[in-house]
Amino acid sequence: MKAIVFDEIGSPRDVLYLDDIPVPQVSDGEALVRMVSASVNPGDFLFIQNLYPEPKKPHFPRQTAGNHGAGIVEAVGANVMLEPGTLVAFSYYNSWAEYSVVPAEWLIPLPAGYPIERAGQLVNPITAWDLLADSRVQPGQWLAVTAGYSSISTMVMQFAQRRGINVIAIVRRRHQSLDLKELGAAAVLDLSDLKTGIRDAVIEITGSAGLSGVIDHVGGPVSGELIRTLALGGQMVINGGMSAERFELHNFDVLLSSVEIRANIYRYFFSPPVEADRPVLREIIDIFGQPGFHVPVGGIHPLAEFKLAVTNSLDRADLGKQMFRM
């Protein structure tokens, strides 16, 4: 079968290649999934660079890349209740390939006919849902989201709009190809066209209310400014680090406003779904699958076009999510 693999730690631009490898064999408790789609995510690049903690580490030679995707159950091992033919999504390993073997407990069944380009990126709406919950922002309050054109940020905006939460989308530069206000942003803060400081701009937009929460995918000095703009009891939720720069704070920036800075770790990073998760997963899957929920897909590629998919993901987030279709 075809798979995108790598033999050493490094930049995804440099170490990935397409190869023929054997179809994996199913053991007890596992399912063989014929992949139909897989998303390209920043976390996939962290895995390739060996930046994730144990146990999410690559194993050589020919480690298959990709951690999230969807496919059809082809065969199952002993003690697996899923029926062959079931469409499933998962966050595990080895998704950038024509077939993957996944422990059944990690598989999330989807309705037949669920949109394939959405099934392959279920990690994103789950993450967006949890980020919004972690921010603790209430209806009528203000939330800032950095990397406003990223897939997860656009999903946060849409979930927030459904709950009556006001969102300021922070972008490095506004693009005409995607109107974030149509996706639920109450305001867009273009850093390339900023006439005042970030704090002053936010205070003006919010009518002096300030921010009750920040969801940050970037880091750097902008993050420090946003923290200092949080209202009393506000939350900063860190979900990424796209910038190589750092931010600085004084203890009083946190203490005097009683703000909280916390990390978001994807809920299925270390452990698989449990039965108690089923109701919220059904709700997320239902909303995410609706035609009115906008999901910018920037490119659907065969595995052979992995270089283009990786480059677009790294350099052109404004295009939308890059996907593989097998």
C-alpha atoms as a PDB file:
ATOM      1  CA  MET A   1       0.000   0.000   0.000  1.00  0.00           C
ATOM      2  CA  LYS A   2       1.033   3.627  -0.422  1.00  0.00           C
ATOM      3  CA  ALA A   3       1.982   5.612   2.684  1.00  0.00           C
ATOM      4  CA  ILE A   4       3.750   8.850   3.553  1.00  0.00           C
ATOM      5  CA  VAL A   5       6.639   7.880   5.832  1.00  0.00           C
ATOM      6  CA  PHE A   6       9.808   9.236   7.398  1.00  0.00           C
ATOM      7  CA  ASP A   7      13.020   7.705   8.721  1.00  0.00           C
ATOM      8  CA  GLU A   8      14.438  10.549  10.783  1.00  0.00           C
ATOM      9  CA  ILE A   9      13.406  13.485  12.926  1.00  0.00           C
ATOM     10  CA  GLY A  10      13.223  16.781  11.109  1.00  0.00           C
ATOM     11  CA  SER A  11      11.167  19.323   9.253  1.00  0.00           C
ATOM     12  CA  PRO A  12       8.187  17.813   7.417  1.00  0.00           C
ATOM     13  CA  ARG A  13       9.411  19.701   4.350  1.00  0.00           C
ATOM     14  CA  ASP A  14      12.589  17.595   4.376  1.00  0.00           C
ATOM     15  CA  VAL A  15      12.041  14.123   5.811  1.00  0.00           C
ATOM     16  CA  LEU A  16       8.727  12.879   4.380  1.00  0.00           C
ATOM     17  CA  TYR A  17       8.540  10.609   1.347  1.00  0.00           C
ATOM     18  CA  LEU A  18       5.984   8.349  -0.357  1.00  0.00           C
ATOM     19  CA  ASP A  19       6.667   4.623  -0.194  1.00  0.00           C
ATOM     20  CA  ASP A  20       5.104   1.193  -0.659  1.00  0.00           C
ATOM     21  CA  ILE A  21       4.778  -0.657   2.635  1.00  0.00           C
ATOM     22  CA  PRO A  22       2.881  -3.825   3.634  1.00  0.00           C
ATOM     23  CA  VAL A  23      -0.776  -3.604   4.630  1.00  0.00           C
ATOM     24  CA  PRO A  24      -0.774  -3.915   8.455  1.00  0.00           C
ATOM     25  CA  GLN A  25      -2.199  -7.051  10.067  1.00  0.00           C
ATOM     26  CA  VAL A  26      -5.086  -6.990  12.520  1.00  0.00           C
ATOM     27  CA  SER A  27      -4.689  -8.356  16.047  1.00  0.00           C
ATOM     28  CA  ASP A  28      -7.242  -8.896  18.824  1.00  0.00           C
ATOM     29  CA  GLY A  29      -9.060  -5.702  19.751  1.00  0.00           C
ATOM     30  CA  GLU A  30      -8.061  -3.931  16.536  1.00  0.00           C
ATOM     31  CA  ALA A  31      -9.693  -2.945  13.269  1.00  0.00           C
ATOM     32  CA  LEU A  32      -8.235  -2.614   9.788  1.00  0.00           C
ATOM     33  CA  VAL A  33      -9.418   0.720   8.394  1.00  0.00           C
ATOM     34  CA  ARG A  34      -9.352   1.505   4.688  1.00  0.00           C
ATOM     35  CA  MET A  35      -8.555   5.193   4.824  1.00  0.00           C
ATOM     36  CA  VAL A  36     -10.744   7.586   2.846  1.00  0.00           C
ATOM     37  CA  SER A  37      -9.502  10.945   4.130  1.00  0.00           C
ATOM     38  CA  ALA A  38      -6.980  12.432   6.535  1.00  0.00           C
ATOM     39  CA  SER A  39      -6.270  15.981   7.600  1.00  0.00           C
ATOM     40  CA  VAL A  40      -2.954  17.815   7.754  1.00  0.00           C
ATOM     41  CA  ASN A  41      -2.588  19.503  11.145  1.00  0.00           C
ATOM     42  CA  PRO A  42       0.097  21.427  13.048  1.00  0.00           C
ATOM     43  CA  GLY A  43       0.187  18.561  15.540  1.00  0.00           C
ATOM     44  CA  ASP A  44       1.200  16.163  12.773  1.00  0.00           C
ATOM     45  CA  PHE A  45       4.292  18.296  12.240  1.00  0.00           C
ATOM     46  CA  LEU A  46       5.116  18.215  15.947  1.00  0.00           C
ATOM     47  CA  PHE A  47       5.032  14.400  15.794  1.00  0.00           C
ATOM     48  CA  ILE A  48       7.403  14.391  12.805  1.00  0.00           C
ATOM     49  CA  GLN A  49       9.785  16.683  14.738  1.00  0.00           C
ATOM     50  CA  ASN A  50       9.580  14.463  17.855  1.00  0.00           C
ATOM     51  CA  LEU A  51       8.223  17.304  19.996  1.00  0.00           C
ATOM     52  CA  TYR A  52       5.372  15.373  21.582  1.00  0.00           C
ATOM     53  CA  PRO A  53       5.784  13.751  25.015  1.00  0.00           C
ATOM     54  CA  GLU A  54       5.692  10.012  25.605  1.00  0.00           C
ATOM     55  CA  PRO A  55       4.117   7.845  24.405  1.00  0.00           C
ATOM     56  CA  LYS A  56       3.476   9.739  21.164  1.00  0.00           C
ATOM     57  CA  LYS A  57       6.873   9.159  19.609  1.00  0.00           C
ATOM     58  CA  PRO A  58       7.844   8.004  16.104  1.00  0.00           C
ATOM     59  CA  HIS A  59       9.410   4.578  15.598  1.00  0.00           C
ATOM     60  CA  PHE A  60      11.817   3.905  12.743  1.00  0.00           C
ATOM     61  CA  PRO A  61      12.336   2.837  10.060  1.00  0.00           C
ATOM     62  CA  ARG A  62       9.444   4.013   7.896  1.00  0.00           C
ATOM     63  CA  GLN A  63       7.194   5.600  10.484  1.00  0.00           C
ATOM     64  CA  THR A  64       3.905   6.470   8.803  1.00  0.00           C
ATOM     65  CA  ALA A  65       2.977  10.125   9.292  1.00  0.00           C
ATOM     66  CA  GLY A  66      -0.426  11.516  10.202  1.00  0.00           C
ATOM     67  CA  ASN A  67      -2.393  11.204  13.429  1.00  0.00           C
ATOM     68  CA  HIS A  68      -5.994  11.912  12.405  1.00  0.00           C
ATOM     69  CA  GLY A  69      -8.290  10.590   9.720  1.00  0.00           C
ATOM     70  CA  ALA A  70     -11.340   8.589   8.719  1.00  0.00           C
ATOM     71  CA  GLY A  71     -12.056   5.401   6.860  1.00  0.00           C
ATOM     72  CA  ILE A  72     -14.148   2.286   6.409  1.00  0.00           C
ATOM     73  CA  VAL A  73     -13.702  -0.707   8.704  1.00  0.00           C
ATOM     74  CA  GLU A  74     -12.491  -3.546   6.455  1.00  0.00           C
ATOM     75  CA  ALA A  75     -11.786  -6.279   9.001  1.00  0.00           C
ATOM     76  CA  VAL A  76     -11.747  -6.699  12.774  1.00  0.00           C
ATOM     77  CA  GLY A  77      -9.905  -8.798  15.285  1.00  0.00           C
ATOM     78  CA  ALA A  78     -11.410 -10.757  18.162  1.00  0.00           C
ATOM     79  CA  ASN A  79     -13.534  -8.874  20.722  1.00  0.00           C
ATOM     80  CA  VAL A  80     -14.356  -5.981  18.379  1.00  0.00           C
ATOM     81  CA  MET A  81     -18.040  -5.066  18.124  1.00  0.00           C
ATOM     82  CA  LEU A  82     -17.780  -2.754  15.096  1.00  0.00           C
ATOM     83  CA  GLU A  83     -19.182  -4.136  11.859  1.00  0.00           C
ATOM     84  CA  PRO A  84     -17.119  -4.111   8.661  1.00  0.00           C
ATOM     85  CA  GLY A  85     -18.390  -1.322   6.437  1.00  0.00           C
ATOM     86  CA  THR A  86     -18.724   1.180   9.321  1.00  0.00           C
ATOM     87  CA  LEU A  87     -17.418   4.681   8.667  1.00  0.00           C
ATOM     88  CA  VAL A  88     -15.150   5.729  11.541  1.00  0.00           C
ATOM     89  CA  ALA A  89     -12.923   8.640  12.524  1.00  0.00           C
ATOM     90  CA  PHE A  90      -9.922   8.452  14.822  1.00  0.00           C
ATOM     91  CA  SER A  91      -6.995  10.259  16.369  1.00  0.00           C
ATOM     92  CA  TYR A  92      -4.194   7.748  16.792  1.00  0.00           C
ATOM     93  CA  TYR A  93      -1.284   7.056  14.417  1.00  0.00           C
ATOM     94  CA  ASN A  94      -0.516   6.192  10.784  1.00  0.00           C
ATOM     95  CA  SER A  95      -3.358   8.025   9.048  1.00  0.00           C
ATOM     96  CA  TRP A  96      -1.461   9.216   5.946  1.00  0.00           C
ATOM     97  CA  ALA A  97      -1.715   5.817   4.292  1.00  0.00           C
ATOM     98  CA  GLU A  98      -4.151   3.696   2.317  1.00  0.00           C
ATOM     99  CA  TYR A  99      -4.758   1.409   5.314  1.00  0.00           C
ATOM    100  CA  SER A 100      -4.296   1.729   9.051  1.00  0.00           C
ATOM    101  CA  VAL A 101      -4.745  -0.653  11.961  1.00  0.00           C
ATOM    102  CA  VAL A 102      -6.312   1.068  14.967  1.00  0.00           C
ATOM    103  CA  PRO A 103      -7.330  -0.292  18.394  1.00  0.00           C
ATOM    104  CA  ALA A 104     -11.128  -0.349  18.301  1.00  0.00           C
ATOM    105  CA  GLU A 105     -11.454   1.775  21.445  1.00  0.00           C
ATOM    106  CA  TRP A 106      -9.989   4.754  19.569  1.00  0.00           C
ATOM    107  CA  LEU A 107     -12.537   4.611  16.736  1.00  0.00           C
ATOM    108  CA  ILE A 108     -15.505   7.002  16.638  1.00  0.00           C
ATOM    109  CA  PRO A 109     -18.372   5.648  14.487  1.00  0.00           C
ATOM    110  CA  LEU A 110     -19.935   8.163  12.103  1.00  0.00           C
ATOM    111  CA  PRO A 111     -23.274   8.132  10.285  1.00  0.00           C
ATOM    112  CA  ALA A 112     -23.198   6.533   6.841  1.00  0.00           C
ATOM    113  CA  GLY A 113     -22.821   9.225   4.223  1.00  0.00           C
ATOM    114  CA  TYR A 114     -21.108  11.675   6.557  1.00  0.00           C
ATOM    115  CA  PRO A 115     -19.062  14.191   4.485  1.00  0.00           C
ATOM    116  CA  ILE A 116     -15.658  12.625   3.947  1.00  0.00           C
ATOM    117  CA  GLU A 117     -13.709  15.896   4.071  1.00  0.00           C
ATOM    118  CA  ARG A 118     -15.226  16.568   7.500  1.00  0.00           C
ATOM    119  CA  ALA A 119     -14.863  13.034   8.826  1.00  0.00           C
ATOM    120  CA  GLY A 120     -11.106  13.186   8.236  1.00  0.00           C
ATOM    121  CA  GLN A 121     -10.663  16.252  10.454  1.00  0.00           C
ATOM    122  CA  LEU A 122     -12.973  15.482  13.374  1.00  0.00           C
ATOM    123  CA  VAL A 123     -10.089  16.388  15.685  1.00  0.00           C
ATOM    124  CA  ASN A 124     -10.651  20.052  14.809  1.00  0.00           C
ATOM    125  CA  PRO A 125     -14.292  20.553  15.869  1.00  0.00           C
ATOM    126  CA  ILE A 126     -13.669  18.520  19.022  1.00  0.00           C
ATOM    127  CA  THR A 127     -10.703  20.764  19.835  1.00  0.00           C
ATOM    128  CA  ALA A 128     -12.664  23.934  19.031  1.00  0.00           C
ATOM    129  CA  TRP A 129     -15.567  22.788  21.225  1.00  0.00           C
ATOM    130  CA  ASP A 130     -13.241  22.118  24.158  1.00  0.00           C
ATOM    131  CA  LEU A 131     -11.292  25.351  23.713  1.00  0.00           C
ATOM    132  CA  LEU A 132     -14.478  27.377  23.907  1.00  0.00           C
ATOM    133  CA  ALA A 133     -15.523  25.512  27.047  1.00  0.00           C
ATOM    134  CA  ASP A 134     -12.079  25.983  28.627  1.00  0.00           C
ATOM    135  CA  SER A 135     -12.201  29.735  27.970  1.00  0.00           C
ATOM    136  CA  ARG A 136     -15.244  29.961  30.305  1.00  0.00           C
ATOM    137  CA  VAL A 137     -16.526  32.949  28.324  1.00  0.00           C
ATOM    138  CA  GLN A 138     -20.247  33.483  28.820  1.00  0.00           C
ATOM    139  CA  PRO A 139     -22.922  34.787  26.414  1.00  0.00           C
ATOM    140  CA  GLY A 140     -22.547  38.528  25.878  1.00  0.00           C
ATOM    141  CA  GLN A 141     -18.867  38.538  26.883  1.00  0.00           C
ATOM    142  CA  TRP A 142     -15.831  38.968  24.619  1.00  0.00           C
ATOM    143  CA  LEU A 143     -13.384  36.302  23.454  1.00  0.00           C
ATOM    144  CA  ALA A 144     -10.246  36.897  21.355  1.00  0.00           C
ATOM    145  CA  VAL A 145      -8.947  34.143  19.066  1.00  0.00           C
ATOM    146  CA  THR A 146      -5.508  34.342  17.448  1.00  0.00           C
ATOM    147  CA  ALA A 147      -4.648  32.777  14.071  1.00  0.00           C
ATOM    148  CA  GLY A 148      -8.112  33.837  13.008  1.00  0.00           C
ATOM    149  CA  TYR A 149      -7.957  32.110   9.622  1.00  0.00           C
ATOM    150  CA  SER A 150      -6.969  28.718  11.024  1.00  0.00           C
ATOM    151  CA  SER A 151      -9.506  25.906  10.804  1.00  0.00           C
ATOM    152  CA  ILE A 152      -9.896  25.585  14.561  1.00  0.00           C
ATOM    153  CA  SER A 153     -10.346  29.338  15.026  1.00  0.00           C
ATOM    154  CA  THR A 154     -13.096  29.524  12.408  1.00  0.00           C
ATOM    155  CA  MET A 155     -14.847  26.637  14.161  1.00  0.00           C
ATOM    156  CA  VAL A 156     -14.528  28.351  17.551  1.00  0.00           C
ATOM    157  CA  MET A 157     -16.198  31.418  16.034  1.00  0.00           C
ATOM    158  CA  GLN A 158     -19.142  29.404  14.768  1.00  0.00           C
ATOM    159  CA  PHE A 159     -19.640  27.530  18.046  1.00  0.00           C
ATOM    160  CA  ALA A 160     -19.332  30.836  19.923  1.00  0.00           C
ATOM    161  CA  GLN A 161     -21.884  32.581  17.723  1.00  0.00           C
ATOM    162  CA  ARG A 162     -24.391  29.811  18.500  1.00  0.00           C
ATOM    163  CA  ARG A 163     -23.908  30.599  22.201  1.00  0.00           C
ATOM    164  CA  GLY A 164     -24.121  34.388  21.902  1.00  0.00           C
ATOM    165  CA  ILE A 165     -20.412  34.954  22.613  1.00  0.00           C
ATOM    166  CA  ASN A 166     -18.666  37.901  20.924  1.00  0.00           C
ATOM    167  CA  VAL A 167     -15.415  36.967  19.156  1.00  0.00           C
ATOM    168  CA  ILE A 168     -12.534  39.177  18.052  1.00  0.00           C
ATOM    169  CA  ALA A 169     -10.521  37.367  15.372  1.00  0.00           C
ATOM    170  CA  ILE A 170      -6.831  38.344  15.511  1.00  0.00           C
ATOM    171  CA  VAL A 171      -5.080  38.027  12.130  1.00  0.00           C
ATOM    172  CA  ARG A 172      -1.642  38.964  10.871  1.00  0.00           C
ATOM    173  CA  ARG A 173      -3.165  40.325   7.666  1.00  0.00           C
ATOM    174  CA  ARG A 174      -6.738  40.424   6.427  1.00  0.00           C
ATOM    175  CA  HIS A 175      -7.500  38.297   3.344  1.00  0.00           C
ATOM    176  CA  GLN A 176     -10.322  39.030   0.950  1.00  0.00           C
ATOM    177  CA  SER A 177     -10.883  35.348   0.203  1.00  0.00           C
ATOM    178  CA  LEU A 178     -12.548  34.639   3.566  1.00  0.00           C
ATOM    179  CA  ASP A 179     -14.818  36.994   5.519  1.00  0.00           C
ATOM    180  CA  LEU A 180     -14.467  36.023   9.169  1.00  0.00           C
ATOM    181  CA  LYS A 181     -17.496  38.091  10.125  1.00  0.00           C
ATOM    182  CA  GLU A 182     -19.600  35.735   8.020  1.00  0.00           C
ATOM    183  CA  LEU A 183     -18.281  32.903  10.189  1.00  0.00           C
ATOM    184  CA  GLY A 184     -19.332  34.534  13.454  1.00  0.00           C
ATOM    185  CA  ALA A 185     -16.580  37.015  14.333  1.00  0.00           C
ATOM    186  CA  ALA A 186     -17.981  40.231  15.814  1.00  0.00           C
ATOM    187  CA  ALA A 187     -14.757  42.037  14.845  1.00  0.00           C
ATOM    188  CA  VAL A 188     -11.501  41.358  13.013  1.00  0.00           C
ATOM    189  CA  LEU A 189      -8.267  42.872  14.351  1.00  0.00           C
ATOM    190  CA  ASP A 190      -5.730  43.138  11.515  1.00  0.00           C
ATOM    191  CA  LEU A 191      -2.278  43.434  13.107  1.00  0.00           C
ATOM    192  CA  SER A 192      -0.739  44.728   9.865  1.00  0.00           C
ATOM    193  CA  ASP A 193      -3.090  47.725   9.882  1.00  0.00           C
ATOM    194  CA  LEU A 194      -3.156  48.493  13.602  1.00  0.00           C
ATOM    195  CA  LYS A 195      -3.149  52.241  14.309  1.00  0.00           C
ATOM    196  CA  THR A 196      -3.030  51.918  18.129  1.00  0.00           C
ATOM    197  CA  GLY A 197      -1.823  49.379  20.673  1.00  0.00           C
ATOM    198  CA  ILE A 198      -3.623  46.048  20.884  1.00  0.00           C
ATOM    199  CA  ARG A 199      -5.043  46.879  24.304  1.00  0.00           C
ATOM    200  CA  ASP A 200      -6.464  50.203  23.096  1.00  0.00           C
ATOM    201  CA  ALA A 201      -7.970  48.554  20.022  1.00  0.00           C
ATOM    202  CA  VAL A 202      -9.617  45.831  22.110  1.00  0.00           C
ATOM    203  CA  ILE A 203     -10.970  48.332  24.635  1.00  0.00           C
ATOM    204  CA  GLU A 204     -12.528  50.317  21.790  1.00  0.00           C
ATOM    205  CA  ILE A 205     -14.069  47.227  20.161  1.00  0.00           C
ATOM    206  CA  THR A 206     -15.483  45.888  23.430  1.00  0.00           C
ATOM    207  CA  GLY A 207     -16.811  49.209  24.681  1.00  0.00           C
ATOM    208  CA  SER A 208     -14.301  49.177  27.569  1.00  0.00           C
ATOM    209  CA  ALA A 209     -15.447  45.730  28.726  1.00  0.00           C
ATOM    210  CA  GLY A 210     -12.154  44.055  27.830  1.00  0.00           C
ATOM    211  CA  LEU A 211     -11.702  40.378  27.156  1.00  0.00           C
ATOM    212  CA  SER A 212     -13.123  37.589  29.278  1.00  0.00           C
ATOM    213  CA  GLY A 213     -11.074  35.004  27.437  1.00  0.00           C
ATOM    214  CA  VAL A 214      -8.312  34.451  24.891  1.00  0.00           C
ATOM    215  CA  ILE A 215      -7.685  31.328  22.810  1.00  0.00           C
ATOM    216  CA  ASP A 216      -4.111  31.529  21.563  1.00  0.00           C
ATOM    217  CA  HIS A 217      -2.521  29.401  18.837  1.00  0.00           C
ATOM    218  CA  VAL A 218       0.455  31.681  18.153  1.00  0.00           C
ATOM    219  CA  GLY A 219       2.397  33.070  21.126  1.00  0.00           C
ATOM    220  CA  GLY A 220       4.850  35.951  20.960  1.00  0.00           C
ATOM    221  CA  PRO A 221       4.396  39.581  22.098  1.00  0.00           C
ATOM    222  CA  VAL A 222       0.773  39.723  20.921  1.00  0.00           C
ATOM    223  CA  SER A 223      -0.108  37.049  23.487  1.00  0.00           C
ATOM    224  CA  GLY A 224       1.371  39.126  26.288  1.00  0.00           C
ATOM    225  CA  GLU A 225      -0.668  42.142  25.186  1.00  0.00           C
ATOM    226  CA  LEU A 226      -3.849  40.084  25.085  1.00  0.00           C
ATOM    227  CA  ILE A 227      -3.239  38.738  28.587  1.00  0.00           C
ATOM    228  CA  ARG A 228      -2.882  42.309  29.847  1.00  0.00           C
ATOM    229  CA  THR A 229      -6.221  43.097  28.209  1.00  0.00           C
ATOM    230  CA  LEU A 230      -8.116  40.386  30.091  1.00  0.00           C
ATOM    231  CA  ALA A 231     -10.850  41.540  32.425  1.00  0.00           C
ATOM    232  CA  LEU A 232     -10.992  40.452  36.055  1.00  0.00           C
ATOM    233  CA  GLY A 233     -11.020  36.648  36.243  1.00  0.00           C
ATOM    234  CA  GLY A 234     -10.302  36.154  32.533  1.00  0.00           C
ATOM    235  CA  GLN A 235      -8.789  33.030  30.983  1.00  0.00           C
ATOM    236  CA  MET A 236      -5.919  32.583  28.502  1.00  0.00           C
ATOM    237  CA  VAL A 237      -6.071  29.138  26.872  1.00  0.00           C
ATOM    238  CA  ILE A 238      -2.901  28.166  24.995  1.00  0.00           C
ATOM    239  CA  ASN A 239      -3.363  25.710  22.145  1.00  0.00           C
ATOM    240  CA  GLY A 240      -0.285  26.221  19.993  1.00  0.00           C
ATOM    241  CA  GLY A 241       2.944  28.094  19.378  1.00  0.00           C
ATOM    242  CA  MET A 242       3.137  29.175  15.751  1.00  0.00           C
ATOM    243  CA  SER A 243       5.481  32.034  16.627  1.00  0.00           C
ATOM    244  CA  ALA A 244       9.090  31.444  17.652  1.00  0.00           C
ATOM    245  CA  GLU A 245       8.965  34.606  19.779  1.00  0.00           C
ATOM    246  CA  ARG A 246       8.243  34.753  23.505  1.00  0.00           C
ATOM    247  CA  PHE A 247       6.067  37.068  25.547  1.00  0.00           C
ATOM    248  CA  GLU A 248       6.866  38.731  28.860  1.00  0.00           C
ATOM    249  CA  LEU A 249       4.638  39.285  31.883  1.00  0.00           C
ATOM    250  CA  HIS A 250       5.018  40.775  35.318  1.00  0.00           C
ATOM    251  CA  ASN A 251       3.424  38.946  38.239  1.00  0.00           C
ATOM    252  CA  PHE A 252       0.998  41.840  38.630  1.00  0.00           C
ATOM    253  CA  ASP A 253      -0.254  41.301  35.061  1.00  0.00           C
ATOM    254  CA  VAL A 254      -1.705  38.048  36.359  1.00  0.00           C
ATOM    255  CA  LEU A 255      -2.234  38.758  40.036  1.00  0.00           C
ATOM    256  CA  LEU A 256      -4.063  42.080  39.909  1.00  0.00           C
ATOM    257  CA  SER A 257      -6.554  40.861  37.330  1.00  0.00           C
ATOM    258  CA  SER A 258      -6.835  37.345  38.796  1.00  0.00           C
ATOM    259  CA  VAL A 259      -6.359  35.865  35.331  1.00  0.00           C
ATOM    260  CA  GLU A 260      -5.638  32.218  34.632  1.00  0.00           C
ATOM    261  CA  ILE A 261      -3.263  30.896  31.965  1.00  0.00           C
ATOM    262  CA  ARG A 262      -3.840  27.282  31.063  1.00  0.00           C
ATOM    263  CA  ALA A 263      -2.996  24.760  28.343  1.00  0.00           C
ATOM    264  CA  ASN A 264      -5.418  22.814  26.219  1.00  0.00           C
ATOM    265  CA  ILE A 265      -4.404  19.241  25.449  1.00  0.00           C
ATOM    266  CA  TYR A 266      -6.567  17.436  22.920  1.00  0.00           C
ATOM    267  CA  ARG A 267      -8.940  15.254  24.919  1.00  0.00           C
ATOM    268  CA  TYR A 268      -7.917  12.099  23.020  1.00  0.00           C
ATOM    269  CA  PHE A 269      -4.186  12.727  22.976  1.00  0.00           C
ATOM    270  CA  PHE A 270      -3.319  10.312  25.792  1.00  0.00           C
ATOM    271  CA  SER A 271      -6.464   8.187  26.089  1.00  0.00           C
ATOM    272  CA  PRO A 272      -9.315   7.035  23.829  1.00  0.00           C
ATOM    273  CA  PRO A 273     -12.984   8.052  23.977  1.00  0.00           C
ATOM    274  CA  VAL A 274     -15.074   6.618  26.798  1.00  0.00           C
ATOM    275  CA  GLU A 275     -18.782   5.864  26.948  1.00  0.00           C
ATOM    276  CA  ALA A 276     -19.530   9.067  28.875  1.00  0.00           C
ATOM    277  CA  ASP A 277     -18.220  11.075  25.895  1.00  0.00           C
ATOM    278  CA  ARG A 278     -20.812   9.711  23.462  1.00  0.00           C
ATOM    279  CA  PRO A 279     -23.519  12.385  23.977  1.00  0.00           C
ATOM    280  CA  VAL A 280     -21.191  15.345  23.428  1.00  0.00           C
ATOM    281  CA  LEU A 281     -19.503  13.594  20.493  1.00  0.00           C
ATOM    282  CA  ARG A 282     -22.892  13.041  18.858  1.00  0.00           C
ATOM    283  CA  GLU A 283     -23.695  16.735  19.319  1.00  0.00           C
ATOM    284  CA  ILE A 284     -20.371  17.855  17.829  1.00  0.00           C
ATOM    285  CA  ILE A 285     -20.668  15.404  14.929  1.00  0.00           C
ATOM    286  CA  ASP A 286     -24.213  16.574  14.191  1.00  0.00           C
ATOM    287  CA  ILE A 287     -23.354  20.298  14.198  1.00  0.00           C
ATOM    288  CA  PHE A 288     -20.112  19.796  12.269  1.00  0.00           C
ATOM    289  CA  GLY A 289     -21.890  17.801   9.590  1.00  0.00           C
ATOM    290  CA  GLN A 290     -24.552  20.422   8.892  1.00  0.00           C
ATOM    291  CA  PRO A 291     -24.269  22.224   5.521  1.00  0.00           C
ATOM    292  CA  GLY A 292     -24.569  25.599   7.271  1.00  0.00           C
ATOM    293  CA  PHE A 293     -21.444  24.964   9.331  1.00  0.00           C
ATOM    294  CA  HIS A 294     -18.657  26.424   7.222  1.00  0.00           C
ATOM    295  CA  VAL A 295     -15.480  24.350   6.934  1.00  0.00           C
ATOM    296  CA  PRO A 296     -12.830  25.975   4.730  1.00  0.00           C
ATOM    297  CA  VAL A 297     -11.039  23.185   2.844  1.00  0.00           C
ATOM    298  CA  GLY A 298      -8.025  24.571   1.031  1.00  0.00           C
ATOM    299  CA  GLY A 299      -7.063  21.489  -0.924  1.00  0.00           C
ATOM    300  CA  ILE A 300      -7.890  17.816  -1.314  1.00  0.00           C
ATOM    301  CA  HIS A 301      -4.815  15.882  -2.430  1.00  0.00           C
ATOM    302  CA  PRO A 302      -3.790  12.354  -3.299  1.00  0.00           C
ATOM    303  CA  LEU A 303      -0.991  11.027  -1.128  1.00  0.00           C
ATOM    304  CA  ALA A 304       1.458  11.691  -3.947  1.00  0.00           C
ATOM    305  CA  GLU A 305       0.879  15.453  -3.539  1.00  0.00           C
ATOM    306  CA  PHE A 306       2.062  15.459   0.068  1.00  0.00           C
ATOM    307  CA  LYS A 307       4.688  18.156  -0.545  1.00  0.00           C
ATOM    308  CA  LEU A 308       2.044  20.605  -1.736  1.00  0.00           C
ATOM    309  CA  ALA A 309      -0.288  19.709   1.148  1.00  0.00           C
ATOM    310  CA  VAL A 310       2.499  20.249   3.688  1.00  0.00           C
ATOM    311  CA  THR A 311       3.663  23.521   2.131  1.00  0.00           C
ATOM    312  CA  ASN A 312       0.142  24.951   2.005  1.00  0.00           C
ATOM    313  CA  SER A 313      -0.454  23.943   5.614  1.00  0.00           C
ATOM    314  CA  LEU A 314       2.728  25.639   6.785  1.00  0.00           C
ATOM    315  CA  ASP A 315       2.597  28.761   4.635  1.00  0.00           C
ATOM    316  CA  ARG A 316      -1.035  29.390   3.606  1.00  0.00           C
ATOM    317  CA  ALA A 317      -3.380  28.854   6.539  1.00  0.00           C
ATOM    318  CA  ASP A 318      -5.765  31.313   4.905  1.00  0.00           C
ATOM    319  CA  LEU A 319      -6.487  28.761   2.173  1.00  0.00           C
ATOM    320  CA  GLY A 320      -8.202  26.411   4.628  1.00  0.00           C
ATOM    321  CA  LYS A 321      -7.569  22.876   5.796  1.00  0.00           C
ATOM    322  CA  GLN A 322      -5.409  20.633   3.614  1.00  0.00           C
ATOM    323  CA  MET A 323      -6.730  17.089   3.251  1.00  0.00           C
ATOM    324  CA  PHE A 324      -5.618  13.778   1.793  1.00  0.00           C
ATOM    325  CA  ARG A 325      -8.185  11.709  -0.111  1.00  0.00           C
ATOM    326  CA  MET A 326      -7.265   8.054  -0.574  1.00  0.00           C
END
